[in-house]
Amino acid sequence: MAKYSIHVFCNECTDVHPTGIVINLDDGPVNKASIGDTYAGKELPIEVATLKNNTFTCPNTSKPFSQSDNDQVFLVPISN
């Protein structure tokens, strides 16, 4: 099982930020990829699907934002 850091595109400042969330997946990508690309045509694992319920704070503007677009949420492999 591989570990992934979750990064999201910020609608506030148009940058991509790490969220501090780490999840384990059996079928994740080898390189950084959006969950939209990784799970196209497949059901999202529960660990990934629940990310849409999260609100994040932009480190540049300090404003809260959420990201519901699967193409704007990224799985970044963590090296062991």
PDB file of N, CA and C in Angstrom:
ATOM      1  N   MET A   1       0.848  -1.167   0.000  1.00  0.00           N
ATOM      2  CA  MET A   1       0.000   0.000   0.000  1.00  0.00           C
ATOM      3  C   MET A   1       0.897   1.235   0.000  1.00  0.00           C
ATOM      4  N   ALA A   2       0.600   2.179  -0.891  1.00  0.00           N
ATOM      5  CA  ALA A   2       1.409   3.392  -1.020  1.00  0.00           C
ATOM      6  C   ALA A   2       0.758   4.567  -0.295  1.00  0.00           C
ATOM      7  N   LYS A   3       1.593   5.508   0.157  1.00  0.00           N
ATOM      8  CA  LYS A   3       1.119   6.712   0.828  1.00  0.00           C
ATOM      9  C   LYS A   3       1.121   7.874  -0.161  1.00  0.00           C
ATOM     10  N   TYR A   4       0.093   8.724  -0.024  1.00  0.00           N
ATOM     11  CA  TYR A   4      -0.047   9.890  -0.889  1.00  0.00           C
ATOM     12  C   TYR A   4      -0.357  11.129  -0.070  1.00  0.00           C
ATOM     13  N   SER A   5       0.303  12.213  -0.415  1.00  0.00           N
ATOM     14  CA  SER A   5       0.008  13.519   0.135  1.00  0.00           C
ATOM     15  C   SER A   5      -1.049  14.148  -0.772  1.00  0.00           C
ATOM     16  N   ILE A   6      -2.051  14.788  -0.162  1.00  0.00           N
ATOM     17  CA  ILE A   6      -3.114  15.415  -0.932  1.00  0.00           C
ATOM     18  C   ILE A   6      -2.793  16.896  -1.125  1.00  0.00           C
ATOM     19  N   HIS A   7      -2.827  17.328  -2.386  1.00  0.00           N
ATOM     20  CA  HIS A   7      -2.626  18.726  -2.743  1.00  0.00           C
ATOM     21  C   HIS A   7      -3.872  19.191  -3.491  1.00  0.00           C
ATOM     22  N   VAL A   8      -4.249  20.468  -3.314  1.00  0.00           N
ATOM     23  CA  VAL A   8      -5.451  20.976  -3.972  1.00  0.00           C
ATOM     24  C   VAL A   8      -5.164  22.307  -4.654  1.00  0.00           C
ATOM     25  N   PHE A   9      -5.853  22.508  -5.771  1.00  0.00           N
ATOM     26  CA  PHE A   9      -5.805  23.794  -6.466  1.00  0.00           C
ATOM     27  C   PHE A   9      -6.642  24.774  -5.665  1.00  0.00           C
ATOM     28  N   CYS A  10      -6.097  25.940  -5.409  1.00  0.00           N
ATOM     29  CA  CYS A  10      -6.760  26.964  -4.603  1.00  0.00           C
ATOM     30  C   CYS A  10      -7.491  27.952  -5.508  1.00  0.00           C
ATOM     31  N   ASN A  11      -8.794  28.073  -5.290  1.00  0.00           N
ATOM     32  CA  ASN A  11      -9.596  29.026  -6.049  1.00  0.00           C
ATOM     33  C   ASN A  11      -9.338  30.468  -5.621  1.00  0.00           C
ATOM     34  N   GLU A  12      -8.724  30.645  -4.465  1.00  0.00           N
ATOM     35  CA  GLU A  12      -8.464  31.985  -3.940  1.00  0.00           C
ATOM     36  C   GLU A  12      -7.236  32.632  -4.593  1.00  0.00           C
ATOM     37  N   CYS A  13      -6.133  31.876  -4.695  1.00  0.00           N
ATOM     38  CA  CYS A  13      -4.890  32.462  -5.215  1.00  0.00           C
ATOM     39  C   CYS A  13      -4.381  31.775  -6.492  1.00  0.00           C
ATOM     40  N   THR A  14      -5.068  30.756  -6.956  1.00  0.00           N
ATOM     41  CA  THR A  14      -4.738  29.983  -8.170  1.00  0.00           C
ATOM     42  C   THR A  14      -3.404  29.245  -8.076  1.00  0.00           C
ATOM     43  N   ASP A  15      -3.017  28.844  -6.878  1.00  0.00           N
ATOM     44  CA  ASP A  15      -1.823  28.038  -6.670  1.00  0.00           C
ATOM     45  C   ASP A  15      -2.280  26.652  -6.196  1.00  0.00           C
ATOM     46  N   VAL A  16      -1.373  25.703  -6.156  1.00  0.00           N
ATOM     47  CA  VAL A  16      -1.670  24.370  -5.626  1.00  0.00           C
ATOM     48  C   VAL A  16      -0.997  24.254  -4.263  1.00  0.00           C
ATOM     49  N   HIS A  17      -1.787  23.858  -3.253  1.00  0.00           N
ATOM     50  CA  HIS A  17      -1.274  23.791  -1.888  1.00  0.00           C
ATOM     51  C   HIS A  17      -1.330  22.371  -1.331  1.00  0.00           C
ATOM     52  N   PRO A  18      -0.323  21.978  -0.552  1.00  0.00           N
ATOM     53  CA  PRO A  18      -0.438  20.721   0.197  1.00  0.00           C
ATOM     54  C   PRO A  18      -1.464  20.931   1.305  1.00  0.00           C
ATOM     55  N   THR A  19      -2.193  19.893   1.640  1.00  0.00           N
ATOM     56  CA  THR A  19      -3.250  20.007   2.645  1.00  0.00           C
ATOM     57  C   THR A  19      -2.829  19.481   4.012  1.00  0.00           C
ATOM     58  N   GLY A  20      -1.743  18.730   4.050  1.00  0.00           N
ATOM     59  CA  GLY A  20      -1.352  18.069   5.298  1.00  0.00           C
ATOM     60  C   GLY A  20      -2.046  16.731   5.474  1.00  0.00           C
ATOM     61  N   ILE A  21      -2.882  16.359   4.525  1.00  0.00           N
ATOM     62  CA  ILE A  21      -3.593  15.079   4.580  1.00  0.00           C
ATOM     63  C   ILE A  21      -2.767  14.023   3.861  1.00  0.00           C
ATOM     64  N   VAL A  22      -2.599  12.888   4.498  1.00  0.00           N
ATOM     65  CA  VAL A  22      -1.898  11.741   3.906  1.00  0.00           C
ATOM     66  C   VAL A  22      -2.861  10.562   3.929  1.00  0.00           C
ATOM     67  N   ILE A  23      -2.990   9.880   2.792  1.00  0.00           N
ATOM     68  CA  ILE A  23      -3.851   8.697   2.720  1.00  0.00           C
ATOM     69  C   ILE A  23      -3.070   7.530   2.136  1.00  0.00           C
ATOM     70  N   ASN A  24      -3.533   6.326   2.430  1.00  0.00           N
ATOM     71  CA  ASN A  24      -2.955   5.099   1.881  1.00  0.00           C
ATOM     72  C   ASN A  24      -3.889   4.562   0.818  1.00  0.00           C
ATOM     73  N   LEU A  25      -3.321   4.176  -0.321  1.00  0.00           N
ATOM     74  CA  LEU A  25      -4.112   3.621  -1.421  1.00  0.00           C
ATOM     75  C   LEU A  25      -3.399   2.431  -2.038  1.00  0.00           C
ATOM     76  N   ASP A  26      -4.184   1.444  -2.451  1.00  0.00           N
ATOM     77  CA  ASP A  26      -3.635   0.281  -3.153  1.00  0.00           C
ATOM     78  C   ASP A  26      -3.449   0.553  -4.638  1.00  0.00           C
ATOM     79  N   ASP A  27      -4.300   1.418  -5.187  1.00  0.00           N
ATOM     80  CA  ASP A  27      -4.318   1.588  -6.647  1.00  0.00           C
ATOM     81  C   ASP A  27      -4.047   3.023  -7.081  1.00  0.00           C
ATOM     82  N   GLY A  28      -3.224   3.748  -6.336  1.00  0.00           N
ATOM     83  CA  GLY A  28      -2.910   5.137  -6.675  1.00  0.00           C
ATOM     84  C   GLY A  28      -1.889   5.235  -7.795  1.00  0.00           C
ATOM     85  N   PRO A  29      -1.637   6.472  -8.257  1.00  0.00           N
ATOM     86  CA  PRO A  29      -0.701   6.680  -9.364  1.00  0.00           C
ATOM     87  C   PRO A  29       0.760   6.571  -8.934  1.00  0.00           C
ATOM     88  N   VAL A  30       1.634   6.361  -9.898  1.00  0.00           N
ATOM     89  CA  VAL A  30       3.074   6.287  -9.648  1.00  0.00           C
ATOM     90  C   VAL A  30       3.649   7.697  -9.494  1.00  0.00           C
ATOM     91  N   ASN A  31       3.110   8.649 -10.256  1.00  0.00           N
ATOM     92  CA  ASN A  31       3.546  10.043 -10.202  1.00  0.00           C
ATOM     93  C   ASN A  31       2.361  10.918  -9.807  1.00  0.00           C
ATOM     94  N   LYS A  32       2.625  12.184  -9.531  1.00  0.00           N
ATOM     95  CA  LYS A  32       1.553  13.121  -9.182  1.00  0.00           C
ATOM     96  C   LYS A  32       0.477  13.087 -10.263  1.00  0.00           C
ATOM     97  N   ALA A  33      -0.782  12.950  -9.823  1.00  0.00           N
ATOM     98  CA  ALA A  33      -1.903  12.914 -10.758  1.00  0.00           C
ATOM     99  C   ALA A  33      -3.168  13.362 -10.044  1.00  0.00           C
ATOM    100  N   SER A  34      -4.090  13.926 -10.808  1.00  0.00           N
ATOM    101  CA  SER A  34      -5.363  14.328 -10.220  1.00  0.00           C
ATOM    102  C   SER A  34      -6.194  13.081  -9.930  1.00  0.00           C
ATOM    103  N   ILE A  35      -7.115  13.210  -8.983  1.00  0.00           N
ATOM    104  CA  ILE A  35      -7.982  12.064  -8.717  1.00  0.00           C
ATOM    105  C   ILE A  35      -8.942  11.855  -9.881  1.00  0.00           C
ATOM    106  N   GLY A  36      -9.212  12.922 -10.642  1.00  0.00           N
ATOM    107  CA  GLY A  36     -10.050  12.789 -11.832  1.00  0.00           C
ATOM    108  C   GLY A  36      -9.406  11.890 -12.874  1.00  0.00           C
ATOM    109  N   ASP A  37      -8.111  12.079 -13.103  1.00  0.00           N
ATOM    110  CA  ASP A  37      -7.383  11.240 -14.067  1.00  0.00           C
ATOM    111  C   ASP A  37      -7.184   9.828 -13.522  1.00  0.00           C
ATOM    112  N   THR A  38      -6.828   9.722 -12.257  1.00  0.00           N
ATOM    113  CA  THR A  38      -6.518   8.430 -11.652  1.00  0.00           C
ATOM    114  C   THR A  38      -7.730   7.510 -11.604  1.00  0.00           C
ATOM    115  N   TYR A  39      -8.896   8.077 -11.320  1.00  0.00           N
ATOM    116  CA  TYR A  39     -10.094   7.254 -11.148  1.00  0.00           C
ATOM    117  C   TYR A  39     -11.146   7.496 -12.221  1.00  0.00           C
ATOM    118  N   ALA A  40     -10.735   7.925 -13.400  1.00  0.00           N
ATOM    119  CA  ALA A  40     -11.679   8.136 -14.505  1.00  0.00           C
ATOM    120  C   ALA A  40     -12.415   6.837 -14.812  1.00  0.00           C
ATOM    121  N   GLY A  41     -13.728   6.883 -14.765  1.00  0.00           N
ATOM    122  CA  GLY A  41     -14.542   5.705 -15.062  1.00  0.00           C
ATOM    123  C   GLY A  41     -14.626   4.698 -13.938  1.00  0.00           C
ATOM    124  N   LYS A  42     -14.050   5.025 -12.779  1.00  0.00           N
ATOM    125  CA  LYS A  42     -14.062   4.108 -11.636  1.00  0.00           C
ATOM    126  C   LYS A  42     -14.729   4.800 -10.445  1.00  0.00           C
ATOM    127  N   GLU A  43     -15.148   3.997  -9.504  1.00  0.00           N
ATOM    128  CA  GLU A  43     -15.673   4.550  -8.264  1.00  0.00           C
ATOM    129  C   GLU A  43     -14.510   5.015  -7.395  1.00  0.00           C
ATOM    130  N   LEU A  44     -14.675   6.189  -6.763  1.00  0.00           N
ATOM    131  CA  LEU A  44     -13.618   6.713  -5.899  1.00  0.00           C
ATOM    132  C   LEU A  44     -13.535   5.908  -4.610  1.00  0.00           C
ATOM    133  N   PRO A  45     -12.336   5.585  -4.163  1.00  0.00           N
ATOM    134  CA  PRO A  45     -12.188   4.967  -2.840  1.00  0.00           C
ATOM    135  C   PRO A  45     -12.743   5.935  -1.783  1.00  0.00           C
ATOM    136  N   ILE A  46     -13.260   5.422  -0.703  1.00  0.00           N
ATOM    137  CA  ILE A  46     -13.869   6.248   0.332  1.00  0.00           C
ATOM    138  C   ILE A  46     -12.898   7.301   0.870  1.00  0.00           C
ATOM    139  N   GLU A  47     -11.606   6.955   0.978  1.00  0.00           N
ATOM    140  CA  GLU A  47     -10.603   7.896   1.470  1.00  0.00           C
ATOM    141  C   GLU A  47     -10.500   9.120   0.556  1.00  0.00           C
ATOM    142  N   VAL A  48     -10.710   8.899  -0.723  1.00  0.00           N
ATOM    143  CA  VAL A  48     -10.622   9.971  -1.709  1.00  0.00           C
ATOM    144  C   VAL A  48     -11.950  10.724  -1.799  1.00  0.00           C
ATOM    145  N   ALA A  49     -13.041  10.012  -1.794  1.00  0.00           N
ATOM    146  CA  ALA A  49     -14.362  10.633  -1.928  1.00  0.00           C
ATOM    147  C   ALA A  49     -14.646  11.613  -0.795  1.00  0.00           C
ATOM    148  N   THR A  50     -14.186  11.319   0.400  1.00  0.00           N
ATOM    149  CA  THR A  50     -14.464  12.195   1.540  1.00  0.00           C
ATOM    150  C   THR A  50     -13.690  13.515   1.490  1.00  0.00           C
ATOM    151  N   LEU A  51     -12.699  13.636   0.607  1.00  0.00           N
ATOM    152  CA  LEU A  51     -11.925  14.872   0.511  1.00  0.00           C
ATOM    153  C   LEU A  51     -12.807  16.060   0.096  1.00  0.00           C
ATOM    154  N   LYS A  52     -13.896  15.788  -0.614  1.00  0.00           N
ATOM    155  CA  LYS A  52     -14.791  16.861  -1.056  1.00  0.00           C
ATOM    156  C   LYS A  52     -15.486  17.546   0.120  1.00  0.00           C
ATOM    157  N   ASN A  53     -15.507  16.906   1.274  1.00  0.00           N
ATOM    158  CA  ASN A  53     -16.151  17.482   2.454  1.00  0.00           C
ATOM    159  C   ASN A  53     -15.228  18.432   3.217  1.00  0.00           C
ATOM    160  N   ASN A  54     -13.963  18.500   2.828  1.00  0.00           N
ATOM    161  CA  ASN A  54     -12.982  19.294   3.570  1.00  0.00           C
ATOM    162  C   ASN A  54     -12.960  20.755   3.112  1.00  0.00           C
ATOM    163  N   THR A  55     -12.687  21.624   4.052  1.00  0.00           N
ATOM    164  CA  THR A  55     -12.423  23.031   3.766  1.00  0.00           C
ATOM    165  C   THR A  55     -10.969  23.286   4.138  1.00  0.00           C
ATOM    166  N   PHE A  56     -10.288  24.022   3.281  1.00  0.00           N
ATOM    167  CA  PHE A  56      -8.871  24.312   3.475  1.00  0.00           C
ATOM    168  C   PHE A  56      -8.689  25.817   3.618  1.00  0.00           C
ATOM    169  N   THR A  57      -7.578  26.241   4.167  1.00  0.00           N
ATOM    170  CA  THR A  57      -7.262  27.659   4.276  1.00  0.00           C
ATOM    171  C   THR A  57      -6.094  27.969   3.365  1.00  0.00           C
ATOM    172  N   CYS A  58      -6.285  28.944   2.505  1.00  0.00           N
ATOM    173  CA  CYS A  58      -5.212  29.363   1.602  1.00  0.00           C
ATOM    174  C   CYS A  58      -4.094  29.987   2.419  1.00  0.00           C
ATOM    175  N   PRO A  59      -2.854  29.491   2.277  1.00  0.00           N
ATOM    176  CA  PRO A  59      -1.746  30.062   3.041  1.00  0.00           C
ATOM    177  C   PRO A  59      -1.352  31.464   2.561  1.00  0.00           C
ATOM    178  N   ASN A  60      -1.783  31.840   1.362  1.00  0.00           N
ATOM    179  CA  ASN A  60      -1.442  33.160   0.824  1.00  0.00           C
ATOM    180  C   ASN A  60      -2.456  34.238   1.186  1.00  0.00           C
ATOM    181  N   THR A  61      -3.746  33.877   1.230  1.00  0.00           N
ATOM    182  CA  THR A  61      -4.795  34.867   1.494  1.00  0.00           C
ATOM    183  C   THR A  61      -5.461  34.670   2.855  1.00  0.00           C
ATOM    184  N   SER A  62      -5.225  33.523   3.477  1.00  0.00           N
ATOM    185  CA  SER A  62      -5.868  33.132   4.747  1.00  0.00           C
ATOM    186  C   SER A  62      -7.373  32.943   4.615  1.00  0.00           C
ATOM    187  N   LYS A  63      -7.875  32.862   3.399  1.00  0.00           N
ATOM    188  CA  LYS A  63      -9.307  32.644   3.180  1.00  0.00           C
ATOM    189  C   LYS A  63      -9.594  31.147   3.042  1.00  0.00           C
ATOM    190  N   PRO A  64     -10.727  30.708   3.572  1.00  0.00           N
ATOM    191  CA  PRO A  64     -11.103  29.303   3.424  1.00  0.00           C
ATOM    192  C   PRO A  64     -11.605  29.020   2.005  1.00  0.00           C
ATOM    193  N   PHE A  65     -11.364  27.788   1.556  1.00  0.00           N
ATOM    194  CA  PHE A  65     -11.879  27.350   0.256  1.00  0.00           C
ATOM    195  C   PHE A  65     -12.085  25.849   0.302  1.00  0.00           C
ATOM    196  N   SER A  66     -12.915  25.380  -0.592  1.00  0.00           N
ATOM    197  CA  SER A  66     -13.084  23.934  -0.755  1.00  0.00           C
ATOM    198  C   SER A  66     -12.844  23.625  -2.218  1.00  0.00           C
ATOM    199  N   GLN A  67     -12.595  22.361  -2.503  1.00  0.00           N
ATOM    200  CA  GLN A  67     -12.329  21.961  -3.888  1.00  0.00           C
ATOM    201  C   GLN A  67     -13.113  20.701  -4.195  1.00  0.00           C
ATOM    202  N   SER A  68     -14.145  20.833  -5.015  1.00  0.00           N
ATOM    203  CA  SER A  68     -14.982  19.683  -5.357  1.00  0.00           C
ATOM    204  C   SER A  68     -14.692  19.129  -6.749  1.00  0.00           C
ATOM    205  N   ASP A  69     -13.813  19.781  -7.498  1.00  0.00           N
ATOM    206  CA  ASP A  69     -13.457  19.333  -8.841  1.00  0.00           C
ATOM    207  C   ASP A  69     -12.364  18.260  -8.743  1.00  0.00           C
ATOM    208  N   ASN A  70     -12.691  17.043  -9.130  1.00  0.00           N
ATOM    209  CA  ASN A  70     -11.722  15.940  -9.048  1.00  0.00           C
ATOM    210  C   ASN A  70     -10.456  16.182  -9.867  1.00  0.00           C
ATOM    211  N   ASP A  71     -10.531  17.050 -10.864  1.00  0.00           N
ATOM    212  CA  ASP A  71      -9.354  17.357 -11.669  1.00  0.00           C
ATOM    213  C   ASP A  71      -8.450  18.383 -10.992  1.00  0.00           C
ATOM    214  N   GLN A  72      -8.876  18.910  -9.844  1.00  0.00           N
ATOM    215  CA  GLN A  72      -8.107  19.913  -9.125  1.00  0.00           C
ATOM    216  C   GLN A  72      -7.643  19.429  -7.749  1.00  0.00           C
ATOM    217  N   VAL A  73      -7.798  18.136  -7.512  1.00  0.00           N
ATOM    218  CA  VAL A  73      -7.301  17.506  -6.280  1.00  0.00           C
ATOM    219  C   VAL A  73      -6.255  16.479  -6.710  1.00  0.00           C
ATOM    220  N   PHE A  74      -5.065  16.562  -6.127  1.00  0.00           N
ATOM    221  CA  PHE A  74      -3.939  15.769  -6.609  1.00  0.00           C
ATOM    222  C   PHE A  74      -3.420  14.793  -5.561  1.00  0.00           C
ATOM    223  N   LEU A  75      -3.050  13.624  -6.051  1.00  0.00           N
ATOM    224  CA  LEU A  75      -2.385  12.600  -5.262  1.00  0.00           C
ATOM    225  C   LEU A  75      -0.898  12.696  -5.567  1.00  0.00           C
ATOM    226  N   VAL A  76      -0.103  12.938  -4.536  1.00  0.00           N
ATOM    227  CA  VAL A  76       1.342  13.058  -4.704  1.00  0.00           C
ATOM    228  C   VAL A  76       1.994  11.930  -3.923  1.00  0.00           C
ATOM    229  N   PRO A  77       2.629  10.977  -4.626  1.00  0.00           N
ATOM    230  CA  PRO A  77       3.261   9.854  -3.915  1.00  0.00           C
ATOM    231  C   PRO A  77       4.318  10.327  -2.923  1.00  0.00           C
ATOM    232  N   ILE A  78       4.350   9.658  -1.774  1.00  0.00           N
ATOM    233  CA  ILE A  78       5.359   9.935  -0.755  1.00  0.00           C
ATOM    234  C   ILE A  78       6.369   8.802  -0.802  1.00  0.00           C
ATOM    235  N   SER A  79       7.634   9.162  -0.969  1.00  0.00           N
ATOM    236  CA  SER A  79       8.694   8.151  -0.999  1.00  0.00           C
ATOM    237  C   SER A  79       8.912   7.594   0.388  1.00  0.00           C
ATOM    238  N   ASN A  80       9.168   6.309   0.454  1.00  0.00           N
ATOM    239  CA  ASN A  80       9.436   5.682   1.757  1.00  0.00           C
ATOM    240  C   ASN A  80      10.870   5.816   2.131  1.00  0.00           C
TER     241      ASN A  80
END
